[in-house]
Amino acid sequence: MNQRQRTVWIVALTASAMVGPGISYGRLYLFHLVLCAVGIALIRAEGPVALWSRFRSVKTTFYYMIAFTVVCVIAALRSPDQGQGMITLGALGLGHLLVVVLFLLVKDRQSWMMMAWTVLACVSLELVLSLLEATGHVRWPISRFSEHVEWFGRTNDLAALITSPRNAWYLATSPTGFHWNPNDLCTVLVLFVPFALVRDRRWLGLLASVLVLAVCIMAGARIAFVGLVIVALLTLIIVRIARPQAGILLGVILLISTNLFSSKYSHHVKIREMQVFSRMLVGVNLDREQLTALGDEEEGSAGIRRHTYATGWQALKGSHFMGLGAGSTAVVLAAHPMPDGRVLTDMHLWWLEIAVDLGLPGLAIHVAWLVMILLALWRSWRTNTTAERPVFAALIIALIVLGPLAIGPSSMAYMLPMYVLFAMAITAPLYLGRDAVQPD
């Protein structure tokens, strides 16, 4: 495979993964087709033996993939519902296969930078789309809040979601970008904010970060809001050249959270949500009388999360922390519907979902792999003095903030940009910086 072909495939695969459900029909994504095409092209160009040899060269990821595959096979055999089990393992398998294929495609600094620039272009485009959606006049057609979603093989449940004029406005101005729902969108945007903050063009990076903050507020994504705080704090501590941007971003967040240091809440319902959430986090009195006067009586997603967490924890304890098998999250939640009768399918906490499906051994293997990637990035960051050093810091911050961000979406199993981030983190020490080493 020549360099031009490799570049085309890197751009196509990375872009289709970053867009994910944004270009799809039902469960079939453009990404699935591109992944198959890239896989065939790689095997034909380089041969399975050479590809296997290259894959084995990065031992940490190689051994992780083997161990995680074994755990998944065991979980499949123990699955209480084979259909749900195949859906869960299919999503996990495709995500991990994406990591492997990107690793095999990226062979030098030039191809790594092409992957990174493709990610930047896709995130920038999604940010612009999200800001337009927040006005209430634009909507990507493949979205949970789109009136035209049936054209793309999806169920339109918009009528069931709209329960009042206020609720209709809330949904109409909630951006979803390419990622179907607001929480998934904001998780993707916040994951890549560290790369904006460490850019040479500081004020451009700061502007992008503040715009992501605005999208998180309009989406009502409170976990992503906290994620931005963590990103800013870590950037302030780790990346010296980005401290002005991080400090200003923290200041903007503080002013919004306190309503300019006022005891009164904002009259804008979505800003007020973040102010209430901020008070909850620091243990300040919520002033429920003021909230009632403003018409805020709904609990939001907190009740859903308490229910799923409690149900998942009881199921995990009941399995003696060995998990119940692939797809068991959906089965357990179906057996324990919400008090209002709603049946949920996802845990809304990625780490608990892995534990319920694969057991603590599966969770431990996954977390250990991420820690090893972090350590490799940390060594590269500490030993490099090149202009690419901030990139290692951005990758470190992104992987750390993934921990709390994984609480936001209903599930991270099919969060394809997360796997792109993993591929970037694995390959960066190989091809960036003065100590970059080419694998055999």
Foldseek 3Di string as FASTA:
>chain_A
DDPVVLLVLLLQLLLQLLLPQLAAFANGGPNVVSLVVLVVVCCVVPNPVRLVQLLVLLPLLNVLVVLLVVLLVVLCVLPPDNVLQCVLVVLQVVLSSSLSSSLSSDFAQVSLVSNVVSLVVNLVVLLVQLQVQLVLPDASCCAQCHPNNVVRNDDNPNVVQDDDPVSNNLSSNQGDRSNRARLLSLLSNLLQLLVLLLDPPRVRSLVSLVSSCVNCLSNLQQLSLVLSLLSLVLCCVPPVVRNVSSVVSNVVSVCLLCVNVDPAADLPVSSSSNVLVVCVVVVHDSPVVNVVVSPDDDPPCPLVLVQLVVQLVVLCVVVVQQASGRQVSQVSQQVPDDPVRHGDRFSLAALSRQSNHSGPVSSVSVVVSLVVLLVLLVVQLVPFPDPCSSVSSSLNSSSVSCNSSCSRDSYCSNSNVVSSSVSSSSCCCQHDGPNHNGGD
